[in-house]
Amino acid sequence: MDKRIEAVDYISELPEHILHHILSFLPIKQITRTSALSKTWFQVWKTSPILEFNFYALFNGNQDRYYCQDFEIRERNIQQLYNFVEQILLSRCKQMDNLIKFTLVVTFIYERPEMVSTMDRWIGYALKSNVKHLKIQVGPSNDDENYKYCVPQTVLNAMSIQVLDLSHCKLHLPSIGNIKLPFLKKLSLRVVFADDDVISKLIAGSPLIEDMSFITCYGIKSLQIFDLVNLIQFCAKDIVHFERLKMETPNLHSFTLQGPTWPSVLKVASLKNLKSLHIFSAPITDKWLYEQLNKFPHLECLSLADCPMLESIKISSSSLHKLRIDSCGNVAKLHIDIRNLYVFSYYGDIISFSSNNLTLPNVNLYIKSNNMDNSWYTRLIKLLDEFNQCFKMVTLESDTGEVCILNHFYYLNLFLRIL
C-alpha cells in the first residue's frame, strides 16, 4: 500500500504571540530569510512588537551577498535590505501597531552620509508606533568626539519612551529647546557627547527615572541630581573632563563611580538607603572612606578597585554581606569588623589582615607580586594563618603553580590555583 506522509507546517500554526517570541531570538539576517518563507511569517514579522536591526552584526564579516566582491551587486543587495526595513516600519506606522522595543545599530554612517536622514525617518516611524524601549547605536568610529549623528529632538520629547539607550552619538538642543520624557525609567548613555545644559534638561525632564548610567561620555563637566525620588541605580564611568557631581537621592540603592577622571567636587547626601557601592580608579583616602561608610547604615555590597591612595583600610559594618578589594596597590593593612559578611574577595599583594571574631564561608584571594622571594612566602604563610582564625575555606589564586592543601591549618581547606 502506498502511504504518503503529508508535510505539515505546525510552527506556522502557532499563535501569533508565540511566533513573535520566536522571532525575538533571531538576528536580522535570519528574520529576513524567515519572512520570505510564507505570507504567515511575513505578517508575523510585520506585527512583531520587538524590532531589532543590527546592521553591524549583519555586515561585519565575509557573509553572503552583503560582501559580494562585485560592488554593484553588493550595493543592490544592501539597498533591498534597506527597502525591507522601510517597508516594515512604514507598514506598522500606517496600521498604528505599537512597538515594545526598537533597536537600530548602524556602523557605516561615516561612509554613507545619506543614512542620517534614513535613520531619522526610521526612528520617527518607531516613535509614531509609541515605542517603549529605544536603542540607537552609531559606530564605533575612530574619532568618538566628532560625531556624525545627532539624535533627533523628537526622541527627547517622546511620551511613550520608558527605556532610552544611546551609544556613539550626540545629544544637542537649540537654545530654546526643552526635554520632556515623563515616563522614562531607564537612561543609558555610552560614548555620547552632550553638554551640561542638555544633561540638566534631560534629568529635569525625566521625573520618574529609576536607573541612570553615563559611560565614557564627552562634554559633561557637571552632574547635579536632585529630587529624583524614584532613582534607585546610578552609574558614572570614564566621563571625560568630569569636574563636579552633586547628588541628593534618598532612595538610591546602587552607586557606581569610576575614574580615571575624578570630580574635584563630590557631594552626595541623603544616601541612607544605599545598599551597593562600587568605587573604581579613585583618589580616595582612608579617612574619606571611613567617614563615608558610616553614612550608609544599610550597605550590603562594597567594591573598591584601583584606588592608589588607600593604605590602611578599616571597615566596620553590621549590614555588609560582600566585600571586594581589587588592585589597590598601596594598601598594607586591612581590618574588618563586619559581623554579617558572607563573601570576601581580595586581589593584590600580601597585606596585614585582622578581624573581630569572624566566621566566613566564602573567601577568594588572588595574590600577585613582582617579587616572590623567600620573605614573600613567609608573609604569605602568616597571612593564611591570620585567615585561619576566622575562615573555614579559602580559594587562593596566584602565579606559581597549582597545589591542593587540605587541613594544613586548623579548619582550613586551601585551594591554590595558578592562572
Protein backbone atom coordinates (compact mmCIF):
# COMPACT_ATOMS: atom_id res chain seq x y z
CA MET A 1 0.00 0.00 0.00
CA ASP A 2 1.31 3.38 -0.96
CA LYS A 3 1.38 5.50 2.15
CA ARG A 4 2.19 9.14 1.70
CA ILE A 5 3.07 11.46 4.50
CA GLU A 6 1.84 14.96 4.00
CA ALA A 7 4.20 17.65 5.25
CA VAL A 8 2.51 19.96 7.74
CA ASP A 9 3.92 23.29 8.87
CA TYR A 10 2.99 23.09 12.54
CA ILE A 11 5.15 26.05 13.54
CA SER A 12 3.22 28.45 11.33
CA GLU A 13 0.02 27.29 13.04
CA LEU A 14 1.22 28.51 16.43
CA PRO A 15 -0.49 31.55 17.98
CA GLU A 16 0.88 34.87 16.79
CA HIS A 17 2.27 35.90 20.21
CA ILE A 18 4.37 32.70 20.32
CA LEU A 19 5.71 33.36 16.82
CA HIS A 20 6.60 36.89 17.94
CA HIS A 21 8.52 35.39 20.85
CA ILE A 22 10.43 33.07 18.49
CA LEU A 23 11.42 35.98 16.25
CA SER A 24 12.73 37.94 19.22
CA PHE A 25 15.64 35.47 19.48
CA LEU A 26 16.68 35.70 15.82
CA PRO A 27 19.19 38.13 14.28
CA ILE A 28 18.07 40.32 11.40
CA LYS A 29 19.65 38.11 8.73
CA GLN A 30 17.63 35.06 9.78
CA ILE A 31 14.49 37.11 10.23
CA THR A 32 14.66 38.43 6.67
CA ARG A 33 15.01 34.86 5.45
CA THR A 34 12.15 33.68 7.65
CA SER A 35 9.84 36.40 6.36
CA ALA A 36 10.29 35.06 2.84
CA LEU A 37 9.06 31.57 3.78
CA SER A 38 5.38 32.41 3.63
CA LYS A 39 2.82 35.16 3.94
CA THR A 40 2.19 34.00 7.51
CA TRP A 41 5.78 34.60 8.59
CA PHE A 42 5.98 37.91 6.77
CA GLN A 43 2.81 39.06 8.53
CA VAL A 44 4.20 37.91 11.88
CA TRP A 45 7.36 39.92 11.27
CA LYS A 46 5.32 42.98 10.27
CA THR A 47 3.34 42.85 13.52
CA SER A 48 6.16 41.87 15.89
CA PRO A 49 6.31 44.26 18.87
CA ILE A 50 10.12 43.87 19.02
CA LEU A 51 12.19 45.03 16.04
CA GLU A 52 15.98 44.82 16.17
CA PHE A 53 18.01 45.91 13.14
CA ASN A 54 21.67 45.25 13.91
CA PHE A 55 23.48 46.11 10.69
CA TYR A 56 26.84 45.75 12.44
CA ALA A 57 26.19 42.06 13.13
CA LEU A 58 24.88 41.61 9.59
CA PHE A 59 27.70 43.32 7.69
CA ASN A 60 30.67 42.63 9.99
CA GLY A 61 32.25 39.62 8.35
CA ASN A 62 32.57 37.90 4.99
CA GLN A 63 28.99 36.74 4.85
CA ASP A 64 26.65 36.07 1.99
CA ARG A 65 25.55 38.60 -0.56
CA TYR A 66 26.36 41.70 1.51
CA TYR A 67 30.05 41.01 0.97
CA CYS A 68 29.89 40.13 -2.69
CA GLN A 69 33.05 41.18 -4.50
CA ASP A 70 31.02 42.89 -7.20
CA PHE A 71 30.37 46.39 -5.87
CA GLU A 72 27.16 46.95 -7.85
CA ILE A 73 25.63 43.65 -6.77
CA ARG A 74 26.56 44.29 -3.14
CA GLU A 75 25.07 47.77 -3.20
CA ARG A 76 21.87 46.49 -4.79
CA ASN A 77 21.52 43.80 -2.12
CA ILE A 78 22.07 46.32 0.65
CA GLN A 79 19.51 48.66 -0.84
CA GLN A 80 17.00 45.81 -0.95
CA LEU A 81 17.58 45.29 2.76
CA TYR A 82 17.01 48.98 3.46
CA ASN A 83 13.79 48.83 1.45
CA PHE A 84 12.68 45.84 3.51
CA VAL A 85 13.26 47.72 6.77
CA GLU A 86 11.49 50.78 5.37
CA GLN A 87 8.51 48.69 4.32
CA ILE A 88 8.19 47.03 7.72
CA LEU A 89 8.38 50.26 9.70
CA LEU A 90 6.12 52.23 7.38
CA SER A 91 3.52 49.46 7.41
CA ARG A 92 3.48 49.37 11.21
CA CYS A 93 3.17 53.12 11.35
CA LYS A 94 0.18 53.14 8.98
CA GLN A 95 -1.53 50.32 10.89
CA MET A 96 -0.81 52.06 14.21
CA ASP A 97 0.77 48.92 15.69
CA ASN A 98 2.59 49.74 18.93
CA LEU A 99 6.23 48.78 19.45
CA ILE A 100 7.68 47.49 22.70
CA LYS A 101 11.32 47.70 21.60
CA PHE A 102 13.14 49.16 18.61
CA THR A 103 16.90 48.65 18.20
CA LEU A 104 18.93 50.27 15.46
CA VAL A 105 22.67 49.53 15.26
CA VAL A 106 24.42 51.24 12.34
CA THR A 107 28.19 51.40 11.89
CA PHE A 108 28.57 52.69 8.34
CA ILE A 109 27.02 56.13 8.73
CA TYR A 110 30.51 57.63 8.39
CA GLU A 111 30.81 56.08 4.94
CA ARG A 112 27.20 56.74 3.93
CA PRO A 113 26.10 60.29 4.87
CA GLU A 114 22.69 59.65 3.32
CA MET A 115 21.99 57.24 6.19
CA VAL A 116 21.45 60.22 8.53
CA SER A 117 18.10 61.12 7.00
CA THR A 118 17.21 57.43 6.68
CA MET A 119 17.86 56.84 10.37
CA ASP A 120 15.84 59.93 11.31
CA ARG A 121 12.94 58.60 9.28
CA TRP A 122 13.11 55.08 10.77
CA ILE A 123 13.30 56.44 14.30
CA GLY A 124 10.35 58.68 13.51
CA TYR A 125 8.33 55.63 12.47
CA ALA A 126 9.22 53.94 15.77
CA LEU A 127 8.14 56.99 17.77
CA LYS A 128 4.82 57.11 15.93
CA SER A 129 4.41 53.45 16.92
CA ASN A 130 4.70 54.50 20.58
CA VAL A 131 7.94 52.61 21.15
CA LYS A 132 8.73 51.99 24.82
CA HIS A 133 12.35 50.82 24.62
CA LEU A 134 14.51 52.69 22.10
CA LYS A 135 18.14 51.73 21.47
CA ILE A 136 20.31 53.64 19.00
CA GLN A 137 23.97 52.82 18.37
CA VAL A 138 26.03 54.53 15.70
CA GLY A 139 29.63 53.42 15.39
CA PRO A 140 32.05 52.81 16.88
CA SER A 141 34.31 55.15 14.94
CA ASN A 142 37.97 56.05 15.27
CA ASP A 143 37.07 59.56 16.41
CA ASP A 144 34.36 59.37 19.06
CA GLU A 145 34.37 63.10 19.83
CA ASN A 146 33.46 64.12 16.27
CA TYR A 147 30.05 62.56 15.95
CA LYS A 148 28.24 62.44 12.64
CA TYR A 149 24.84 61.55 14.04
CA CYS A 150 22.76 63.80 16.28
CA VAL A 151 19.76 62.17 17.93
CA PRO A 152 16.52 63.80 16.69
CA GLN A 153 14.92 66.17 19.18
CA THR A 154 11.67 64.24 18.82
CA VAL A 155 13.35 61.41 20.75
CA LEU A 156 13.88 63.75 23.70
CA ASN A 157 10.21 64.66 23.79
CA ALA A 158 8.65 61.23 23.32
CA MET A 159 5.76 60.47 25.64
CA SER A 160 5.99 56.71 25.14
CA ILE A 161 9.69 56.04 25.86
CA GLN A 162 10.42 54.19 29.10
CA VAL A 163 13.95 52.96 28.28
CA LEU A 164 16.43 55.08 26.27
CA ASP A 165 19.77 53.53 25.32
CA LEU A 166 22.10 55.71 23.21
CA SER A 167 25.63 54.89 22.06
CA HIS A 168 28.23 56.68 19.89
CA CYS A 169 26.09 59.66 19.01
CA LYS A 170 25.36 63.24 20.06
CA LEU A 171 22.66 64.98 22.05
CA HIS A 172 22.01 68.56 21.07
CA LEU A 173 19.21 71.06 21.63
CA PRO A 174 18.54 74.50 20.20
CA SER A 175 18.89 77.32 22.72
CA ILE A 176 15.14 77.35 23.29
CA GLY A 177 14.81 73.57 23.23
CA ASN A 178 13.39 71.52 26.06
CA ILE A 179 13.23 67.88 27.07
CA LYS A 180 10.17 66.03 28.29
CA LEU A 181 10.34 62.30 28.88
CA PRO A 182 7.59 61.95 31.50
CA PHE A 183 7.60 58.14 31.59
CA LEU A 184 11.33 57.45 31.19
CA LYS A 185 12.54 54.89 33.75
CA LYS A 186 15.98 53.89 32.45
CA LEU A 187 18.61 56.04 30.73
CA SER A 188 21.89 54.68 29.36
CA LEU A 189 24.42 56.92 27.60
CA ARG A 190 27.59 55.24 26.32
CA VAL A 191 30.22 57.15 24.33
CA VAL A 192 27.82 60.05 23.88
CA PHE A 193 28.61 63.74 23.51
CA ALA A 194 26.30 66.04 25.49
CA ASP A 195 26.97 69.30 27.28
CA ASP A 196 25.83 70.23 30.80
CA ASP A 197 22.77 72.11 29.58
CA VAL A 198 21.38 69.11 27.71
CA ILE A 199 22.05 66.75 30.62
CA SER A 200 20.48 69.16 33.10
CA LYS A 201 17.31 69.41 30.97
CA LEU A 202 17.33 65.64 30.44
CA ILE A 203 17.39 64.99 34.18
CA ALA A 204 14.78 67.68 34.91
CA GLY A 205 12.50 66.31 32.19
CA SER A 206 12.58 62.73 33.47
CA PRO A 207 10.87 62.81 36.88
CA LEU A 208 10.16 59.05 37.07
CA ILE A 209 13.65 57.81 36.21
CA GLU A 210 14.87 54.79 38.19
CA ASP A 211 18.16 53.81 36.53
CA MET A 212 20.75 56.22 35.11
CA SER A 213 24.21 55.49 33.63
CA PHE A 214 26.86 57.62 31.91
CA ILE A 215 29.77 55.65 30.45
CA THR A 216 32.70 57.21 28.54
CA CYS A 217 30.78 60.39 27.80
CA TYR A 218 32.19 63.64 26.45
CA GLY A 219 31.19 67.23 27.11
CA ILE A 220 29.78 66.63 30.60
CA LYS A 221 31.55 68.62 33.30
CA SER A 222 28.87 68.82 35.96
CA LEU A 223 26.15 66.44 37.11
CA GLN A 224 23.57 67.70 39.58
CA ILE A 225 20.86 65.24 40.54
CA PHE A 226 18.15 66.27 42.97
CA ASP A 227 14.50 65.43 43.65
CA LEU A 228 14.50 62.14 41.76
CA VAL A 229 12.66 60.13 44.38
CA ASN A 230 12.44 57.03 42.15
CA LEU A 231 16.14 56.87 41.30
CA ILE A 232 17.46 53.52 42.53
CA GLN A 233 20.61 52.94 40.46
CA PHE A 234 23.28 55.43 39.32
CA CYS A 235 26.49 54.75 37.41
CA ALA A 236 29.16 57.16 36.11
CA LYS A 237 32.26 55.69 34.43
CA ASP A 238 35.07 57.33 32.50
CA ILE A 239 33.37 60.69 31.99
CA VAL A 240 35.96 62.78 30.19
CA HIS A 241 36.55 66.25 31.76
CA PHE A 242 34.34 65.38 34.76
CA GLU A 243 34.58 68.16 37.38
CA ARG A 244 31.52 68.18 39.64
CA LEU A 245 28.99 65.69 40.99
CA LYS A 246 26.25 66.68 43.40
CA MET A 247 23.53 64.24 44.38
CA GLU A 248 20.70 64.12 46.86
CA THR A 249 18.76 60.93 46.19
CA PRO A 250 17.23 59.42 49.34
CA ASN A 251 16.06 56.16 47.71
CA LEU A 252 19.25 55.30 45.80
CA HIS A 253 20.24 51.64 46.23
CA SER A 254 23.26 51.27 43.93
CA PHE A 255 26.01 53.83 43.31
CA THR A 256 28.97 53.25 40.95
CA LEU A 257 31.68 55.83 40.31
CA GLN A 258 34.77 55.17 38.20
CA GLY A 259 37.65 57.36 37.01
CA PRO A 260 40.22 57.97 35.71
CA THR A 261 38.76 61.48 35.68
CA TRP A 262 37.52 62.12 39.20
CA PRO A 263 35.27 65.08 40.10
CA SER A 264 37.07 67.71 42.16
CA VAL A 265 33.72 68.50 43.79
CA LEU A 266 31.89 65.42 45.07
CA LYS A 267 28.89 65.94 47.31
CA VAL A 268 26.49 63.08 47.89
CA ALA A 269 23.82 63.43 50.54
CA SER A 270 20.80 61.54 51.83
CA LEU A 271 22.01 58.13 50.64
CA LYS A 272 20.63 56.48 53.75
CA ASN A 273 19.12 53.57 51.78
CA LEU A 274 22.26 52.77 49.77
CA LYS A 275 22.86 49.01 49.51
CA SER A 276 25.61 48.70 46.89
CA LEU A 277 28.69 50.94 46.50
CA HIS A 278 31.34 50.48 43.77
CA ILE A 279 34.31 52.85 43.53
CA PHE A 280 37.00 52.35 40.87
CA SER A 281 40.11 54.34 39.89
CA ALA A 282 39.51 56.93 42.58
CA PRO A 283 41.87 59.15 44.63
CA ILE A 284 40.00 58.41 47.85
CA THR A 285 41.81 58.27 51.21
CA ASP A 286 41.42 56.00 54.23
CA LYS A 287 39.75 58.81 56.16
CA TRP A 288 37.30 59.64 53.37
CA LEU A 289 36.28 56.00 53.01
CA TYR A 290 35.77 55.52 56.75
CA GLU A 291 33.67 58.68 57.04
CA GLN A 292 31.51 57.84 54.04
CA LEU A 293 30.81 54.25 55.08
CA ASN A 294 29.42 55.50 58.40
CA LYS A 295 26.71 57.29 56.40
CA PHE A 296 25.38 54.09 54.83
CA PRO A 297 23.69 52.02 57.54
CA HIS A 298 22.12 49.56 55.06
CA LEU A 299 25.13 48.95 52.81
CA GLU A 300 25.31 45.28 51.75
CA CYS A 301 27.90 45.24 48.95
CA LEU A 302 31.18 47.22 48.73
CA SER A 303 33.75 47.10 45.90
CA LEU A 304 36.99 49.09 45.84
CA ALA A 305 39.29 48.81 42.82
CA ASP A 306 42.44 50.63 41.71
CA CYS A 307 42.35 53.24 44.48
CA PRO A 308 46.06 54.12 44.89
CA MET A 309 45.68 56.45 47.91
CA LEU A 310 44.23 53.77 50.19
CA GLU A 311 46.85 52.47 52.63
CA SER A 312 45.21 51.27 55.83
CA ILE A 313 41.56 50.28 55.41
CA LYS A 314 39.22 49.96 58.39
CA ILE A 315 35.68 48.81 57.75
CA SER A 316 33.08 48.40 60.45
CA SER A 317 29.55 47.44 59.48
CA SER A 318 26.64 45.36 60.73
CA SER A 319 24.92 45.16 57.32
CA LEU A 320 27.74 44.42 54.83
CA HIS A 321 27.47 41.00 53.13
CA LYS A 322 30.00 41.25 50.29
CA LEU A 323 33.39 42.98 50.28
CA ARG A 324 35.80 43.17 47.35
CA ILE A 325 39.18 44.93 47.27
CA ASP A 326 40.93 44.82 43.91
CA SER A 327 44.34 46.19 42.83
CA CYS A 328 44.64 48.92 45.46
CA GLY A 329 48.42 48.74 45.23
CA ASN A 330 49.40 50.77 48.32
CA VAL A 331 47.15 49.02 50.82
CA ALA A 332 49.29 47.49 53.57
CA LYS A 333 46.69 46.87 56.29
CA LEU A 334 43.09 45.75 56.33
CA HIS A 335 40.97 45.50 59.45
CA ILE A 336 37.33 44.47 59.19
CA ASP A 337 34.66 44.28 61.86
CA ILE A 338 31.73 43.01 59.82
CA ARG A 339 29.51 40.58 61.66
CA ASN A 340 27.33 39.52 58.72
CA LEU A 341 29.98 39.35 56.00
CA TYR A 342 29.44 36.37 53.72
CA VAL A 343 31.81 36.86 50.75
CA PHE A 344 35.27 38.43 50.89
CA SER A 345 37.43 38.85 47.76
CA TYR A 346 40.91 40.33 47.67
CA TYR A 347 43.14 40.91 44.61
CA GLY A 348 46.65 42.22 45.18
CA ASP A 349 49.91 41.71 47.06
CA ILE A 350 50.20 40.38 50.60
CA ILE A 351 48.79 42.63 53.31
CA SER A 352 48.41 42.58 57.05
CA PHE A 353 44.91 41.37 57.87
CA SER A 354 42.92 41.41 61.09
CA SER A 355 39.28 40.99 62.08
CA ASN A 356 37.00 40.70 65.08
CA ASN A 357 35.89 37.09 65.56
CA LEU A 358 34.50 36.40 62.10
CA THR A 359 33.42 33.09 60.66
CA LEU A 360 33.22 33.42 56.93
CA PRO A 361 32.28 30.62 54.49
CA ASN A 362 33.44 32.20 51.21
CA VAL A 363 36.86 33.81 50.68
CA ASN A 364 38.63 34.45 47.37
CA LEU A 365 42.24 35.60 47.32
CA TYR A 366 44.22 36.44 44.21
CA ILE A 367 47.75 37.05 45.42
CA LYS A 368 50.11 38.57 42.89
CA SER A 369 53.52 40.16 43.32
CA ASN A 370 56.52 41.07 41.19
CA ASN A 371 58.91 40.00 43.93
CA MET A 372 58.21 36.47 45.21
CA ASP A 373 61.35 35.86 47.30
CA ASN A 374 61.67 33.82 50.49
CA SER A 375 60.37 36.63 52.68
CA TRP A 376 57.31 36.89 50.45
CA TYR A 377 56.41 33.26 51.10
CA THR A 378 56.95 33.81 54.81
CA ARG A 379 54.49 36.68 54.76
CA LEU A 380 52.06 34.56 52.73
CA ILE A 381 52.08 31.84 55.40
CA LYS A 382 51.49 34.50 58.05
CA LEU A 383 48.55 35.90 56.10
CA LEU A 384 47.00 32.45 55.74
CA ASP A 385 47.47 31.89 59.44
CA GLU A 386 45.54 35.08 60.10
CA PHE A 387 42.76 33.89 57.83
CA ASN A 388 42.75 30.56 59.64
CA GLN A 389 41.40 32.30 62.73
CA CYS A 390 38.07 33.12 61.10
CA PHE A 391 37.61 31.48 57.70
CA LYS A 392 36.67 27.86 57.03
CA MET A 393 37.58 27.72 53.34
CA VAL A 394 39.80 29.90 51.20
CA THR A 395 40.22 29.92 47.43
CA LEU A 396 43.72 31.22 46.72
CA GLU A 397 44.84 32.19 43.22
CA SER A 398 48.41 33.15 42.35
CA ASP A 399 51.03 32.78 39.63
CA THR A 400 53.27 29.97 40.87
CA GLY A 401 51.59 26.60 40.29
CA GLU A 402 48.55 24.53 41.22
CA VAL A 403 48.52 22.85 44.64
CA CYS A 404 45.76 21.50 46.85
CA ILE A 405 46.38 21.64 50.61
CA LEU A 406 43.71 20.24 52.92
CA ASN A 407 43.66 20.76 56.68
CA HIS A 408 47.14 22.20 56.71
CA PHE A 409 45.72 24.75 59.07
CA TYR A 410 43.01 24.14 61.61
CA TYR A 411 39.53 24.41 59.98
CA LEU A 412 41.16 25.47 56.71
CA ASN A 413 40.88 23.95 53.24
CA LEU A 414 43.27 25.76 50.95
CA PHE A 415 42.97 25.57 47.15
CA LEU A 416 45.89 27.09 45.29
CA ARG A 417 45.25 27.79 41.59
CA ILE A 418 47.66 29.26 39.12
CA LEU A 419 46.15 31.40 36.39
